[in-house]
Protein backbone atom coordinates (compact mmCIF):
# COMPACT_ATOMS: atom_id res chain seq x y z
CA UNK A 1 95.46 -51.49 20.69
CA UNK A 2 93.32 -48.51 19.68
CA UNK A 3 94.06 -45.33 21.60
CA UNK A 4 91.13 -43.56 23.32
CA UNK A 5 89.56 -40.53 21.65
CA UNK A 6 90.79 -37.07 22.53
CA UNK A 7 88.80 -35.22 25.21
CA UNK A 8 87.99 -31.70 24.03
CA UNK A 9 87.06 -29.41 26.93
CA UNK A 10 84.83 -26.34 26.64
CA UNK A 11 85.06 -24.05 29.71
CA UNK A 12 82.41 -22.28 31.73
CA UNK A 13 81.79 -18.55 32.05
CA UNK A 14 85.43 -17.53 32.51
CA UNK A 15 86.33 -19.23 29.24
CA UNK A 16 89.98 -19.69 30.15
CA UNK A 17 90.04 -23.39 30.91
CA UNK A 18 92.41 -22.76 33.82
CA UNK A 19 90.02 -24.46 36.22
CA UNK A 20 90.32 -27.79 34.39
CA UNK A 21 93.81 -28.47 35.79
CA UNK A 22 92.81 -30.79 38.65
CA UNK A 23 90.34 -32.69 36.52
CA UNK A 24 92.90 -33.28 33.76
CA UNK A 25 95.40 -34.44 36.37
CA UNK A 26 92.77 -36.84 37.75
CA UNK A 27 92.47 -38.46 34.31
CA UNK A 28 95.90 -39.90 35.04
CA UNK A 29 97.10 -39.67 31.47
CA UNK A 30 94.45 -42.15 30.31
CA UNK A 31 93.06 -39.60 27.87
CA UNK A 32 94.63 -36.82 25.87
CA UNK A 33 92.77 -33.69 27.00
CA UNK A 34 92.68 -30.47 25.02
CA UNK A 35 91.10 -27.20 26.13
CA UNK A 36 89.43 -24.91 23.61
CA UNK A 37 89.15 -21.60 25.44
CA UNK A 38 87.29 -18.43 24.51
CA UNK A 39 88.84 -15.00 23.82
CA UNK A 40 89.24 -13.05 27.09
CA UNK A 41 88.85 -9.65 25.45
CA UNK A 42 86.32 -10.16 22.65
CA UNK A 43 82.62 -10.10 23.66
CA UNK A 44 81.14 -13.05 21.76
CA UNK A 45 77.82 -14.88 22.02
CA UNK A 46 77.15 -18.53 21.27
CA UNK A 47 76.91 -18.15 17.50
CA UNK A 48 80.23 -16.31 17.28
CA UNK A 49 81.93 -18.77 19.63
CA UNK A 50 80.65 -21.68 17.59
CA UNK A 51 82.18 -20.23 14.43
CA UNK A 52 85.43 -19.70 16.31
CA UNK A 53 85.62 -23.14 17.94
CA UNK A 54 84.42 -25.33 15.07
CA UNK A 55 87.60 -25.08 12.95
CA UNK A 56 89.66 -25.99 16.03
CA UNK A 57 87.93 -29.35 16.56
CA UNK A 58 90.14 -32.39 15.86
CA UNK A 59 90.09 -33.30 12.18
CA UNK A 60 92.31 -36.37 12.23
CA UNK A 61 91.13 -38.41 15.21
CA UNK A 62 88.01 -39.39 17.18
CA UNK A 63 87.07 -37.04 20.02
CA UNK A 64 84.60 -36.51 22.84
CA UNK A 65 83.24 -33.06 23.68
CA UNK A 66 83.00 -32.19 27.38
CA UNK A 67 81.40 -28.89 28.34
CA UNK A 68 80.71 -27.39 31.73
CA UNK A 69 78.22 -24.71 32.70
CA UNK A 70 78.22 -21.87 30.12
CA UNK A 71 79.87 -24.17 27.56
CA UNK A 72 76.92 -26.58 27.41
CA UNK A 73 74.85 -24.86 24.70
CA UNK A 74 78.00 -24.40 22.64
CA UNK A 75 78.79 -28.13 22.83
CA UNK A 76 75.19 -29.00 21.93
CA UNK A 77 75.30 -26.75 18.86
CA UNK A 78 78.57 -28.31 17.76
CA UNK A 79 77.38 -31.89 18.37
CA UNK A 80 74.14 -31.25 16.49
CA UNK A 81 76.10 -30.52 13.31
CA UNK A 82 77.70 -33.99 13.61
CA UNK A 83 81.33 -33.07 13.01
CA UNK A 84 83.53 -35.83 11.68
CA UNK A 85 85.23 -37.72 14.49
CA UNK A 86 82.78 -36.85 17.26
CA UNK A 87 81.96 -40.01 19.22
CA UNK A 88 80.55 -38.66 22.48
CA UNK A 89 79.09 -35.66 24.28
CA UNK A 90 79.46 -34.94 28.01
CA UNK A 91 77.45 -32.13 29.60
CA UNK A 92 78.49 -31.26 33.15
CA UNK A 93 76.49 -28.96 35.47
CA UNK A 94 75.05 -27.22 32.45
CA UNK A 95 71.88 -26.46 30.52
CA UNK A 96 70.36 -26.40 27.04
CA UNK A 97 68.33 -23.22 27.35
CA UNK A 98 68.20 -20.24 29.71
CA UNK A 99 68.55 -21.81 33.18
CA UNK A 100 67.06 -18.69 34.77
CA UNK A 101 63.78 -18.26 32.82
CA UNK A 102 62.43 -15.61 35.16
CA UNK A 103 65.44 -13.43 34.32
CA UNK A 104 65.26 -13.70 30.55
CA UNK A 105 63.94 -10.15 30.33
CA UNK A 106 67.14 -8.88 31.96
CA UNK A 107 69.43 -9.87 29.09
CA UNK A 108 69.90 -6.24 27.90
CA UNK A 109 70.96 -5.34 31.45
CA UNK A 110 73.65 -8.02 31.73
CA UNK A 111 76.34 -5.35 31.65
CA UNK A 112 75.14 -4.24 35.09
CA UNK A 113 75.82 -7.63 36.72
CA UNK A 114 78.93 -7.16 38.91
CA UNK A 115 80.26 -10.72 38.51
CA UNK A 116 83.91 -9.72 38.75
CA UNK A 117 83.37 -7.47 41.74
CA UNK A 118 81.15 -9.79 43.78
CA UNK A 119 82.80 -10.40 47.17
CA UNK A 120 84.43 -13.76 47.76
CA UNK A 121 81.91 -14.59 50.50
CA UNK A 122 79.12 -14.40 47.88
CA UNK A 123 80.83 -16.37 45.11
CA UNK A 124 82.27 -19.14 47.29
CA UNK A 125 78.96 -20.67 48.49
CA UNK A 126 77.44 -20.44 45.00
CA UNK A 127 80.29 -21.90 42.99
CA UNK A 128 82.22 -24.04 45.45
CA UNK A 129 79.69 -24.77 48.16
CA UNK A 130 82.18 -23.37 50.65
CA UNK A 131 80.76 -21.88 53.81
CA UNK A 132 83.98 -20.03 54.46
CA UNK A 133 85.22 -17.64 51.73
CA UNK A 134 88.81 -18.77 52.23
CA UNK A 135 87.83 -22.34 51.32
CA UNK A 136 87.36 -21.41 47.67
CA UNK A 137 90.62 -21.94 45.75
CA UNK A 138 92.39 -18.78 44.66
CA UNK A 139 92.55 -20.22 41.12
CA UNK A 140 88.88 -19.37 40.65
CA UNK A 141 89.62 -15.70 41.30
CA UNK A 142 92.58 -15.71 38.94
CA UNK A 143 90.66 -17.40 36.13
CA UNK A 144 88.05 -14.68 35.85
CA UNK A 145 90.39 -11.80 36.71
CA UNK A 146 91.95 -11.83 33.25
CA UNK A 147 88.62 -11.70 31.41
CA UNK A 148 87.30 -8.27 30.41
CA UNK A 149 84.08 -7.20 32.09
CA UNK A 150 82.25 -6.60 28.75
CA UNK A 151 83.10 -10.18 27.79
CA UNK A 152 81.52 -11.58 30.96
CA UNK A 153 78.47 -9.37 30.42
CA UNK A 154 78.07 -10.60 26.84
CA UNK A 155 78.25 -14.23 27.96
CA UNK A 156 75.65 -13.64 30.67
CA UNK A 157 73.36 -12.00 28.12
CA UNK A 158 73.89 -14.98 25.81
CA UNK A 159 72.95 -17.60 28.39
CA UNK A 160 69.84 -15.62 29.36
CA UNK A 161 68.50 -15.92 25.81
CA UNK A 162 69.94 -19.21 24.57
CA UNK A 163 67.68 -22.08 23.51
CA UNK A 164 69.21 -25.16 21.87
CA UNK A 165 66.03 -27.23 21.91
CA UNK A 166 66.10 -27.72 18.15
CA UNK A 167 69.80 -28.65 18.20
CA UNK A 168 69.22 -31.29 20.88
CA UNK A 169 67.04 -33.23 18.46
CA UNK A 170 70.03 -33.52 16.12
CA UNK A 171 72.41 -35.01 18.70
CA UNK A 172 72.98 -38.65 17.80
CA UNK A 173 76.22 -39.56 19.58
CA UNK A 174 76.45 -41.28 22.96
CA UNK A 175 75.76 -38.67 25.65
CA UNK A 176 76.45 -38.28 29.36
CA UNK A 177 74.83 -35.71 31.65
CA UNK A 178 76.58 -35.07 34.95
CA UNK A 179 74.92 -32.88 37.57
CA UNK A 180 75.93 -31.75 41.03
CA UNK A 181 73.66 -32.69 43.92
CA UNK A 182 74.42 -29.42 45.73
CA UNK A 183 74.44 -27.12 42.69
CA UNK A 184 73.25 -23.64 43.71
CA UNK A 185 73.65 -22.16 40.23
CA UNK A 186 71.97 -24.59 37.82
CA UNK A 187 68.73 -26.04 39.14
CA UNK A 188 67.83 -29.71 38.92
CA UNK A 189 64.81 -28.62 36.85
CA UNK A 190 67.22 -27.46 34.12
CA UNK A 191 69.04 -30.79 34.27
CA UNK A 192 65.79 -32.74 34.17
CA UNK A 193 64.62 -30.73 31.16
CA UNK A 194 67.92 -31.40 29.38
CA UNK A 195 67.86 -35.12 30.11
CA UNK A 196 64.31 -35.43 28.81
CA UNK A 197 65.44 -34.04 25.44
CA UNK A 198 68.31 -36.54 25.11
CA UNK A 199 66.49 -39.73 26.11
CA UNK A 200 69.45 -41.93 25.23
CA UNK A 201 71.77 -40.00 27.55
CA UNK A 202 73.19 -41.53 30.71
CA UNK A 203 72.56 -39.28 33.73
CA UNK A 204 74.93 -39.31 36.71
CA UNK A 205 74.66 -37.37 39.97
CA UNK A 206 77.79 -36.56 41.99
CA UNK A 207 77.62 -34.98 45.41
CA UNK A 208 79.21 -31.56 45.19
CA UNK A 209 78.76 -27.87 44.21
CA UNK A 210 78.40 -26.22 40.79
CA UNK A 211 82.11 -26.35 40.00
CA UNK A 212 82.02 -30.13 40.14
CA UNK A 213 85.01 -30.91 37.91
CA UNK A 214 87.13 -28.72 40.16
CA UNK A 215 85.83 -29.82 43.56
CA UNK A 216 85.37 -33.54 42.78
CA UNK A 217 87.96 -34.20 40.06
CA UNK A 218 88.58 -37.88 40.89
CA UNK A 219 84.90 -38.77 40.94
CA UNK A 220 84.26 -36.90 37.70
CA UNK A 221 87.31 -38.40 35.99
CA UNK A 222 86.16 -41.91 36.91
CA UNK A 223 82.70 -41.32 35.43
CA UNK A 224 84.11 -39.73 32.27
CA UNK A 225 86.66 -42.52 31.66
CA UNK A 226 83.98 -45.19 32.11
CA UNK A 227 81.67 -43.39 29.69
CA UNK A 228 84.37 -42.96 27.05
CA UNK A 229 85.39 -46.60 27.34
CA UNK A 230 81.83 -47.64 26.49
CA UNK A 231 80.95 -44.89 24.02
């Protein structure tokens, strides 16, 4: 019996991959999952991250790329180059180009965005959909705490200017787009735009907030396993 492909995970803005723990557990050992994180102390944009991540992709077995949020454009760039072994692409609560078009001009000012110092009561509703600050898991605070502020600023600047429209046309593998019904970070317009550029992609909506893999791990794992089984 052929073993399933490896699931290669690309994190969101924090880049640590620490928030994937519940989702990986929900896979129930049915897939070998591997996280490719980003340096916590080296301010890199998408091009630099692509050069860093590409050599770490599996070279001896089939694999599926799964990216959430900030990691989406990176996964699209990688998939567009058609690396050997890639059999599927999963984009979760993410985007292909700047999801905040009215703020594109602010890219040079990204260093002023106080992401790490935003109070819990601001971050919780945005990321976790929690009305009470205490409802947001402490893991989310720990994940970003170890990432240098200039690194976060560089990533914000990168997402405010990114545009992988051309790369999308080169994606030929089976694709799955998962979006959160209650996402307060990435608009449905960004998801709709992305889906229109990958017409062969399957689109799935799961009720939940932006951090969907973390808040709805069982539901997401079920969708991912079904997709991989049919990829």
